PDB file of all heavy atoms in Angstrom:
ATOM      1  N   LEU A   1     107.961  48.426  47.641  1.00  0.00           N
ATOM      2  CA  LEU A   1     107.305  48.520  46.397  1.00  0.00           C
ATOM      3  C   LEU A   1     107.433  47.274  45.550  1.00  0.00           C
ATOM      4  O   LEU A   1     106.624  46.976  44.643  1.00  0.00           O
ATOM      5  CB  LEU A   1     107.827  49.766  45.604  1.00  0.00           C
ATOM      6  CG  LEU A   1     107.710  51.107  46.268  1.00  0.00           C
ATOM      7  CD1 LEU A   1     108.456  52.188  45.480  1.00  0.00           C
ATOM      8  CD2 LEU A   1     106.232  51.403  46.295  1.00  0.00           C
ATOM      9  N   LYS A   2     108.560  46.558  45.739  1.00  0.00           N
ATOM     10  CA  LYS A   2     108.819  45.330  44.970  1.00  0.00           C
ATOM     11  C   LYS A   2     108.735  45.647  43.425  1.00  0.00           C
ATOM     12  O   LYS A   2     108.137  44.936  42.700  1.00  0.00           O
ATOM     13  CB  LYS A   2     107.847  44.179  45.308  1.00  0.00           C
ATOM     14  CG  LYS A   2     108.076  43.693  46.742  1.00  0.00           C
ATOM     15  CD  LYS A   2     107.270  42.386  47.021  1.00  0.00           C
ATOM     16  CE  LYS A   2     107.634  41.891  48.407  1.00  0.00           C
ATOM     17  NZ  LYS A   2     109.009  41.515  48.551  1.00  0.00           N
ATOM     18  N   GLY A   3     109.474  46.802  43.092  1.00  0.00           N
ATOM     19  CA  GLY A   3     109.544  47.050  41.592  1.00  0.00           C
ATOM     20  C   GLY A   3     108.400  47.875  41.101  1.00  0.00           C
ATOM     21  O   GLY A   3     108.427  48.353  39.929  1.00  0.00           O
ATOM     22  N   VAL A   4     107.291  48.111  41.834  1.00  0.00           N
ATOM     23  CA  VAL A   4     106.163  48.872  41.302  1.00  0.00           C
ATOM     24  C   VAL A   4     106.459  50.418  41.575  1.00  0.00           C
ATOM     25  O   VAL A   4     106.869  50.801  42.682  1.00  0.00           O
ATOM     26  CB  VAL A   4     104.887  48.537  42.106  1.00  0.00           C
ATOM     27  CG1 VAL A   4     103.790  49.387  41.649  1.00  0.00           C
ATOM     28  CG2 VAL A   4     104.567  47.118  41.872  1.00  0.00           C
ATOM     29  N   PRO A   5     106.352  51.259  40.576  1.00  0.00           N
ATOM     30  CA  PRO A   5     106.534  52.700  40.810  1.00  0.00           C
ATOM     31  C   PRO A   5     105.595  53.156  41.782  1.00  0.00           C
ATOM     32  O   PRO A   5     104.405  52.885  41.904  1.00  0.00           O
ATOM     33  CB  PRO A   5     106.216  53.333  39.406  1.00  0.00           C
ATOM     34  CG  PRO A   5     106.528  52.101  38.461  1.00  0.00           C
ATOM     35  CD  PRO A   5     106.055  50.917  39.129  1.00  0.00           C
ATOM     36  N   ASN A   6     106.079  53.989  42.762  1.00  0.00           N
ATOM     37  CA  ASN A   6     105.181  54.499  43.885  1.00  0.00           C
ATOM     38  C   ASN A   6     104.011  55.256  43.337  1.00  0.00           C
ATOM     39  O   ASN A   6     102.902  55.364  44.001  1.00  0.00           O
ATOM     40  CB  ASN A   6     105.991  55.335  44.892  1.00  0.00           C
ATOM     41  CG  ASN A   6     106.412  56.622  44.290  1.00  0.00           C
ATOM     42  OD1 ASN A   6     107.079  56.709  43.263  1.00  0.00           O
ATOM     43  ND2 ASN A   6     106.034  57.756  45.046  1.00  0.00           N
ATOM     44  N   ASP A   7     104.134  55.974  42.160  1.00  0.00           N
ATOM     45  CA  ASP A   7     103.115  56.785  41.612  1.00  0.00           C
ATOM     46  C   ASP A   7     102.152  55.940  40.670  1.00  0.00           C
ATOM     47  O   ASP A   7     101.347  56.618  39.999  1.00  0.00           O
ATOM     48  CB  ASP A   7     103.537  58.097  41.016  1.00  0.00           C
ATOM     49  CG  ASP A   7     104.770  57.909  40.018  1.00  0.00           C
ATOM     50  OD1 ASP A   7     105.093  56.674  39.797  1.00  0.00           O
ATOM     51  OD2 ASP A   7     105.388  58.777  39.664  1.00  0.00           O
ATOM     52  N   VAL A   8     102.305  54.675  40.653  1.00  0.00           N
ATOM     53  CA  VAL A   8     101.444  53.952  39.838  1.00  0.00           C
ATOM     54  C   VAL A   8     100.258  53.234  40.731  1.00  0.00           C
ATOM     55  O   VAL A   8      99.159  52.944  40.238  1.00  0.00           O
ATOM     56  CB  VAL A   8     102.109  52.808  39.124  1.00  0.00           C
ATOM     57  CG1 VAL A   8     102.362  51.533  40.011  1.00  0.00           C
ATOM     58  CG2 VAL A   8     101.384  52.317  37.794  1.00  0.00           C
ATOM     59  N   VAL A   9     100.438  53.272  42.010  1.00  0.00           N
ATOM     60  CA  VAL A   9      99.496  52.554  42.875  1.00  0.00           C
ATOM     61  C   VAL A   9      98.113  53.346  42.907  1.00  0.00           C
ATOM     62  O   VAL A   9      97.165  52.638  43.044  1.00  0.00           O
ATOM     63  CB  VAL A   9     100.056  52.455  44.356  1.00  0.00           C
ATOM     64  CG1 VAL A   9      99.187  51.773  45.307  1.00  0.00           C
ATOM     65  CG2 VAL A   9     101.442  51.764  44.316  1.00  0.00           C
ATOM     66  N   ASN A  10      98.211  54.602  42.790  1.00  0.00           N
ATOM     67  CA  ASN A  10      96.900  55.312  42.855  1.00  0.00           C
ATOM     68  C   ASN A  10      96.009  55.039  41.655  1.00  0.00           C
ATOM     69  O   ASN A  10      94.795  55.556  41.711  1.00  0.00           O
ATOM     70  CB  ASN A  10      97.144  56.883  43.039  1.00  0.00           C
ATOM     71  CG  ASN A  10      97.903  57.529  41.888  1.00  0.00           C
ATOM     72  OD1 ASN A  10      98.057  56.880  40.871  1.00  0.00           O
ATOM     73  ND2 ASN A  10      98.283  58.742  42.120  1.00  0.00           N
ATOM     74  N   ASN A  11      96.461  54.194  40.804  1.00  0.00           N
ATOM     75  CA  ASN A  11      95.624  53.813  39.548  1.00  0.00           C
ATOM     76  C   ASN A  11      94.612  52.784  40.080  1.00  0.00           C
ATOM     77  O   ASN A  11      93.703  52.374  39.300  1.00  0.00           O
ATOM     78  CB  ASN A  11      96.515  53.275  38.513  1.00  0.00           C
ATOM     79  CG  ASN A  11      97.118  54.333  37.733  1.00  0.00           C
ATOM     80  OD1 ASN A  11      96.523  55.053  36.871  1.00  0.00           O
ATOM     81  ND2 ASN A  11      98.418  54.541  38.032  1.00  0.00           N
ATOM     82  N   LEU A  12      94.731  52.481  41.344  1.00  0.00           N
ATOM     83  CA  LEU A  12      93.689  51.487  41.869  1.00  0.00           C
ATOM     84  C   LEU A  12      92.389  52.244  41.884  1.00  0.00           C
ATOM     85  O   LEU A  12      91.279  51.625  41.793  1.00  0.00           O
ATOM     86  CB  LEU A  12      94.065  51.086  43.289  1.00  0.00           C
ATOM     87  CG  LEU A  12      95.141  50.053  43.473  1.00  0.00           C
ATOM     88  CD1 LEU A  12      95.638  49.894  44.842  1.00  0.00           C
ATOM     89  CD2 LEU A  12      94.758  48.796  42.920  1.00  0.00           C
ATOM     90  N   ASP A  13      92.395  53.601  42.003  1.00  0.00           N
ATOM     91  CA  ASP A  13      91.139  54.390  42.039  1.00  0.00           C
ATOM     92  C   ASP A  13      90.399  54.220  40.673  1.00  0.00           C
ATOM     93  O   ASP A  13      89.265  53.881  40.648  1.00  0.00           O
ATOM     94  CB  ASP A  13      91.498  55.812  42.444  1.00  0.00           C
ATOM     95  CG  ASP A  13      90.323  56.764  42.187  1.00  0.00           C
ATOM     96  OD1 ASP A  13      89.351  56.631  42.878  1.00  0.00           O
ATOM     97  OD2 ASP A  13      90.443  57.696  41.353  1.00  0.00           O
ATOM     98  N   PRO A  14      91.055  54.682  39.534  1.00  0.00           N
ATOM     99  CA  PRO A  14      90.274  54.500  38.251  1.00  0.00           C
ATOM    100  C   PRO A  14      89.985  53.096  37.886  1.00  0.00           C
ATOM    101  O   PRO A  14      88.943  52.832  37.220  1.00  0.00           O
ATOM    102  CB  PRO A  14      91.244  55.179  37.256  1.00  0.00           C
ATOM    103  CG  PRO A  14      92.566  55.194  37.881  1.00  0.00           C
ATOM    104  CD  PRO A  14      92.355  55.331  39.326  1.00  0.00           C
ATOM    105  N   LEU A  15      90.835  52.127  38.339  1.00  0.00           N
ATOM    106  CA  LEU A  15      90.630  50.710  38.097  1.00  0.00           C
ATOM    107  C   LEU A  15      89.380  50.301  38.757  1.00  0.00           C
ATOM    108  O   LEU A  15      88.476  49.606  38.187  1.00  0.00           O
ATOM    109  CB  LEU A  15      91.728  49.867  38.528  1.00  0.00           C
ATOM    110  CG  LEU A  15      91.586  48.351  38.258  1.00  0.00           C
ATOM    111  CD1 LEU A  15      91.407  48.022  36.822  1.00  0.00           C
ATOM    112  CD2 LEU A  15      92.783  47.479  38.856  1.00  0.00           C
ATOM    113  N   ALA A  16      89.185  50.697  40.070  1.00  0.00           N
ATOM    114  CA  ALA A  16      87.882  50.424  40.845  1.00  0.00           C
ATOM    115  C   ALA A  16      86.710  51.030  40.080  1.00  0.00           C
ATOM    116  O   ALA A  16      85.644  50.406  40.039  1.00  0.00           O
ATOM    117  CB  ALA A  16      88.104  50.844  42.231  1.00  0.00           C
ATOM    118  N   LEU A  17      86.931  52.219  39.597  1.00  0.00           N
ATOM    119  CA  LEU A  17      85.750  52.842  38.940  1.00  0.00           C
ATOM    120  C   LEU A  17      85.356  52.168  37.661  1.00  0.00           C
ATOM    121  O   LEU A  17      84.159  52.123  37.326  1.00  0.00           O
ATOM    122  CB  LEU A  17      86.167  54.385  38.570  1.00  0.00           C
ATOM    123  CG  LEU A  17      86.180  55.346  39.741  1.00  0.00           C
ATOM    124  CD1 LEU A  17      86.958  56.625  39.451  1.00  0.00           C
ATOM    125  CD2 LEU A  17      84.696  55.628  40.157  1.00  0.00           C
ATOM    126  N   LEU A  18      86.341  51.574  36.900  1.00  0.00           N
ATOM    127  CA  LEU A  18      85.945  50.859  35.732  1.00  0.00           C
ATOM    128  C   LEU A  18      85.145  49.673  36.077  1.00  0.00           C
ATOM    129  O   LEU A  18      84.332  49.156  35.225  1.00  0.00           O
ATOM    130  CB  LEU A  18      87.250  50.359  34.887  1.00  0.00           C
ATOM    131  CG  LEU A  18      88.147  51.525  34.353  1.00  0.00           C
ATOM    132  CD1 LEU A  18      89.324  50.841  33.676  1.00  0.00           C
ATOM    133  CD2 LEU A  18      87.389  52.479  33.548  1.00  0.00           C
ATOM    134  N   ILE A  19      85.263  49.159  37.288  1.00  0.00           N
ATOM    135  CA  ILE A  19      84.461  47.989  37.718  1.00  0.00           C
ATOM    136  C   ILE A  19      83.169  48.434  38.266  1.00  0.00           C
ATOM    137  O   ILE A  19      82.105  47.818  37.925  1.00  0.00           O
ATOM    138  CB  ILE A  19      85.288  47.180  38.783  1.00  0.00           C
ATOM    139  CG1 ILE A  19      86.635  46.576  38.141  1.00  0.00           C
ATOM    140  CG2 ILE A  19      84.471  46.096  39.388  1.00  0.00           C
ATOM    141  CD1 ILE A  19      87.529  46.021  39.195  1.00  0.00           C
ATOM    142  N   PHE A  20      83.107  49.430  39.095  1.00  0.00           N
ATOM    143  CA  PHE A  20      81.930  49.748  39.892  1.00  0.00           C
ATOM    144  C   PHE A  20      80.948  50.656  39.058  1.00  0.00           C
ATOM    145  O   PHE A  20      79.798  50.571  39.446  1.00  0.00           O
ATOM    146  CB  PHE A  20      82.295  50.371  41.171  1.00  0.00           C
ATOM    147  CG  PHE A  20      82.933  49.362  42.207  1.00  0.00           C
ATOM    148  CD1 PHE A  20      84.290  49.383  42.536  1.00  0.00           C
ATOM    149  CD2 PHE A  20      82.127  48.331  42.784  1.00  0.00           C
ATOM    150  CE1 PHE A  20      84.801  48.503  43.445  1.00  0.00           C
ATOM    151  CE2 PHE A  20      82.587  47.420  43.662  1.00  0.00           C
ATOM    152  CZ  PHE A  20      84.022  47.484  44.013  1.00  0.00           C
ATOM    153  N   VAL A  21      81.429  51.449  38.170  1.00  0.00           N
ATOM    154  CA  VAL A  21      80.570  52.333  37.458  1.00  0.00           C
ATOM    155  C   VAL A  21      79.507  51.467  36.644  1.00  0.00           C
ATOM    156  O   VAL A  21      78.280  51.748  36.774  1.00  0.00           O
ATOM    157  CB  VAL A  21      81.307  53.295  36.505  1.00  0.00           C
ATOM    158  CG1 VAL A  21      80.336  53.918  35.510  1.00  0.00           C
ATOM    159  CG2 VAL A  21      81.897  54.409  37.396  1.00  0.00           C
ATOM    160  N   PRO A  22      79.918  50.518  35.870  1.00  0.00           N
ATOM    161  CA  PRO A  22      78.898  49.703  35.130  1.00  0.00           C
ATOM    162  C   PRO A  22      78.004  48.890  36.075  1.00  0.00           C
ATOM    163  O   PRO A  22      76.883  48.693  35.834  1.00  0.00           O
ATOM    164  CB  PRO A  22      79.707  48.717  34.328  1.00  0.00           C
ATOM    165  CG  PRO A  22      81.139  49.430  34.145  1.00  0.00           C
ATOM    166  CD  PRO A  22      81.295  50.100  35.496  1.00  0.00           C
ATOM    167  N   LEU A  23      78.554  48.463  37.285  1.00  0.00           N
ATOM    168  CA  LEU A  23      77.703  47.671  38.187  1.00  0.00           C
ATOM    169  C   LEU A  23      76.689  48.542  38.809  1.00  0.00           C
ATOM    170  O   LEU A  23      75.472  48.146  38.896  1.00  0.00           O
ATOM    171  CB  LEU A  23      78.574  47.132  39.281  1.00  0.00           C
ATOM    172  CG  LEU A  23      79.529  45.922  38.971  1.00  0.00           C
ATOM    173  CD1 LEU A  23      80.522  45.528  40.174  1.00  0.00           C
ATOM    174  CD2 LEU A  23      78.783  44.806  38.452  1.00  0.00           C
ATOM    175  N   CYS A  24      76.997  49.846  39.108  1.00  0.00           N
ATOM    176  CA  CYS A  24      76.065  50.692  39.557  1.00  0.00           C
ATOM    177  C   CYS A  24      74.883  50.947  38.510  1.00  0.00           C
ATOM    178  O   CYS A  24      73.700  51.082  38.866  1.00  0.00           O
ATOM    179  CB  CYS A  24      76.559  52.057  40.009  1.00  0.00           C
ATOM    180  SG  CYS A  24      77.526  51.914  41.558  1.00  0.00           S
ATOM    181  N   ASP A  25      75.316  51.220  37.267  1.00  0.00           N
ATOM    182  CA  ASP A  25      74.385  51.591  36.313  1.00  0.00           C
ATOM    183  C   ASP A  25      73.439  50.463  35.844  1.00  0.00           C
ATOM    184  O   ASP A  25      72.273  50.589  35.530  1.00  0.00           O
ATOM    185  CB  ASP A  25      75.125  52.063  34.940  1.00  0.00           C
ATOM    186  CG  ASP A  25      74.219  52.382  33.840  1.00  0.00           C
ATOM    187  OD1 ASP A  25      73.495  53.368  34.029  1.00  0.00           O
ATOM    188  OD2 ASP A  25      74.220  51.726  32.861  1.00  0.00           O
ATOM    189  N   THR A  26      73.999  49.170  35.804  1.00  0.00           N
ATOM    190  CA  THR A  26      73.231  48.086  35.323  1.00  0.00           C
ATOM    191  C   THR A  26      72.560  47.279  36.410  1.00  0.00           C
ATOM    192  O   THR A  26      71.604  46.435  36.145  1.00  0.00           O
ATOM    193  CB  THR A  26      74.178  47.146  34.525  1.00  0.00           C
ATOM    194  OG1 THR A  26      75.222  46.602  35.327  1.00  0.00           O
ATOM    195  CG2 THR A  26      74.700  47.862  33.243  1.00  0.00           C
ATOM    196  N   LEU A  27      73.078  47.374  37.613  1.00  0.00           N
ATOM    197  CA  LEU A  27      72.548  46.493  38.707  1.00  0.00           C
ATOM    198  C   LEU A  27      71.994  47.300  39.853  1.00  0.00           C
ATOM    199  O   LEU A  27      70.787  47.154  40.253  1.00  0.00           O
ATOM    200  CB  LEU A  27      73.590  45.497  39.238  1.00  0.00           C
ATOM    201  CG  LEU A  27      74.178  44.438  38.158  1.00  0.00           C
ATOM    202  CD1 LEU A  27      75.252  43.648  38.910  1.00  0.00           C
ATOM    203  CD2 LEU A  27      73.009  43.573  37.674  1.00  0.00           C
ATOM    204  N   LEU A  28      72.808  48.154  40.510  1.00  0.00           N
ATOM    205  CA  LEU A  28      72.410  48.760  41.750  1.00  0.00           C
ATOM    206  C   LEU A  28      71.280  49.743  41.531  1.00  0.00           C
ATOM    207  O   LEU A  28      70.194  49.565  42.157  1.00  0.00           O
ATOM    208  CB  LEU A  28      73.689  49.576  42.311  1.00  0.00           C
ATOM    209  CG  LEU A  28      73.239  50.351  43.615  1.00  0.00           C
ATOM    210  CD1 LEU A  28      72.864  49.459  44.744  1.00  0.00           C
ATOM    211  CD2 LEU A  28      74.478  51.153  44.016  1.00  0.00           C
ATOM    212  N   TYR A  29      71.332  50.710  40.604  1.00  0.00           N
ATOM    213  CA  TYR A  29      70.334  51.687  40.436  1.00  0.00           C
ATOM    214  C   TYR A  29      69.080  51.120  39.975  1.00  0.00           C
ATOM    215  O   TYR A  29      67.978  51.456  40.502  1.00  0.00           O
ATOM    216  CB  TYR A  29      70.825  52.865  39.609  1.00  0.00           C
ATOM    217  CG  TYR A  29      72.025  53.675  40.268  1.00  0.00           C
ATOM    218  CD1 TYR A  29      72.902  54.368  39.361  1.00  0.00           C
ATOM    219  CD2 TYR A  29      72.072  53.805  41.609  1.00  0.00           C
ATOM    220  CE1 TYR A  29      73.874  55.139  39.931  1.00  0.00           C
ATOM    221  CE2 TYR A  29      73.226  54.495  42.154  1.00  0.00           C
ATOM    222  CZ  TYR A  29      74.070  55.118  41.314  1.00  0.00           C
ATOM    223  OH  TYR A  29      75.100  55.922  41.885  1.00  0.00           O
ATOM    224  N   PRO A  30      69.081  50.328  38.905  1.00  0.00           N
ATOM    225  CA  PRO A  30      67.824  49.688  38.434  1.00  0.00           C
ATOM    226  C   PRO A  30      67.167  48.803  39.463  1.00  0.00           C
ATOM    227  O   PRO A  30      65.924  48.787  39.560  1.00  0.00           O
ATOM    228  CB  PRO A  30      68.286  48.853  37.206  1.00  0.00           C
ATOM    229  CG  PRO A  30      69.525  49.503  36.705  1.00  0.00           C
ATOM    230  CD  PRO A  30      70.255  49.932  37.904  1.00  0.00           C
ATOM    231  N   GLY A  31      68.028  48.055  40.286  1.00  0.00           N
ATOM    232  CA  GLY A  31      67.492  47.344  41.356  1.00  0.00           C
ATOM    233  C   GLY A  31      66.791  47.997  42.359  1.00  0.00           C
ATOM    234  O   GLY A  31      65.752  47.592  42.881  1.00  0.00           O
ATOM    235  N   LEU A  32      67.416  49.211  42.842  1.00  0.00           N
ATOM    236  CA  LEU A  32      66.686  50.040  43.787  1.00  0.00           C
ATOM    237  C   LEU A  32      65.365  50.649  43.208  1.00  0.00           C
ATOM    238  O   LEU A  32      64.408  50.741  43.992  1.00  0.00           O
ATOM    239  CB  LEU A  32      67.654  51.248  44.141  1.00  0.00           C
ATOM    240  CG  LEU A  32      68.953  50.845  44.989  1.00  0.00           C
ATOM    241  CD1 LEU A  32      69.823  52.025  45.130  1.00  0.00           C
ATOM    242  CD2 LEU A  32      68.439  50.181  46.345  1.00  0.00           C
ATOM    243  N   ARG A  33      65.412  51.033  41.940  1.00  0.00           N
ATOM    244  CA  ARG A  33      64.107  51.520  41.348  1.00  0.00           C
ATOM    245  C   ARG A  33      63.036  50.401  41.364  1.00  0.00           C
ATOM    246  O   ARG A  33      61.870  50.734  41.586  1.00  0.00           O
ATOM    247  CB  ARG A  33      64.355  52.050  39.916  1.00  0.00           C
ATOM    248  CG  ARG A  33      65.041  53.381  39.913  1.00  0.00           C
ATOM    249  CD  ARG A  33      65.005  54.047  38.562  1.00  0.00           C
ATOM    250  NE  ARG A  33      65.802  53.289  37.604  1.00  0.00           N
ATOM    251  CZ  ARG A  33      67.006  53.424  37.322  1.00  0.00           C
ATOM    252  NH1 ARG A  33      67.679  54.383  37.906  1.00  0.00           N
ATOM    253  NH2 ARG A  33      67.626  52.830  36.327  1.00  0.00           N
ATOM    254  N   ARG A  34      63.421  49.234  41.094  1.00  0.00           N
ATOM    255  CA  ARG A  34      62.372  48.113  40.993  1.00  0.00           C
ATOM    256  C   ARG A  34      61.863  47.883  42.407  1.00  0.00           C
ATOM    257  O   ARG A  34      60.700  47.413  42.581  1.00  0.00           O
ATOM    258  CB  ARG A  34      62.965  46.909  40.419  1.00  0.00           C
ATOM    259  CG  ARG A  34      63.170  46.843  38.904  1.00  0.00           C
ATOM    260  CD  ARG A  34      63.447  45.510  38.451  1.00  0.00           C
ATOM    261  NE  ARG A  34      64.767  45.104  38.825  1.00  0.00           N
ATOM    262  CZ  ARG A  34      65.903  45.287  38.128  1.00  0.00           C
ATOM    263  NH1 ARG A  34      65.896  46.021  37.057  1.00  0.00           N
ATOM    264  NH2 ARG A  34      67.066  44.847  38.663  1.00  0.00           N
ATOM    265  N   MET A  35      62.616  48.121  43.490  1.00  0.00           N
ATOM    266  CA  MET A  35      62.188  48.003  44.867  1.00  0.00           C
ATOM    267  C   MET A  35      61.356  49.158  45.258  1.00  0.00           C
ATOM    268  O   MET A  35      61.033  49.246  46.448  1.00  0.00           O
ATOM    269  CB  MET A  35      63.387  47.718  45.730  1.00  0.00           C
ATOM    270  CG  MET A  35      64.040  46.381  45.507  1.00  0.00           C
ATOM    271  SD  MET A  35      65.224  45.895  46.741  1.00  0.00           S
ATOM    272  CE  MET A  35      66.584  47.045  46.404  1.00  0.00           C
TER     273      MET A  35
END
């Protein structure tokens, strides 16, 4: 762990969502509709 609490690692899930949700809304879905 190198000092990281074992139950903090699963926050990679919401952190990834904070990145990918806006990308899907502003880039992926509109891009697919334009195609």
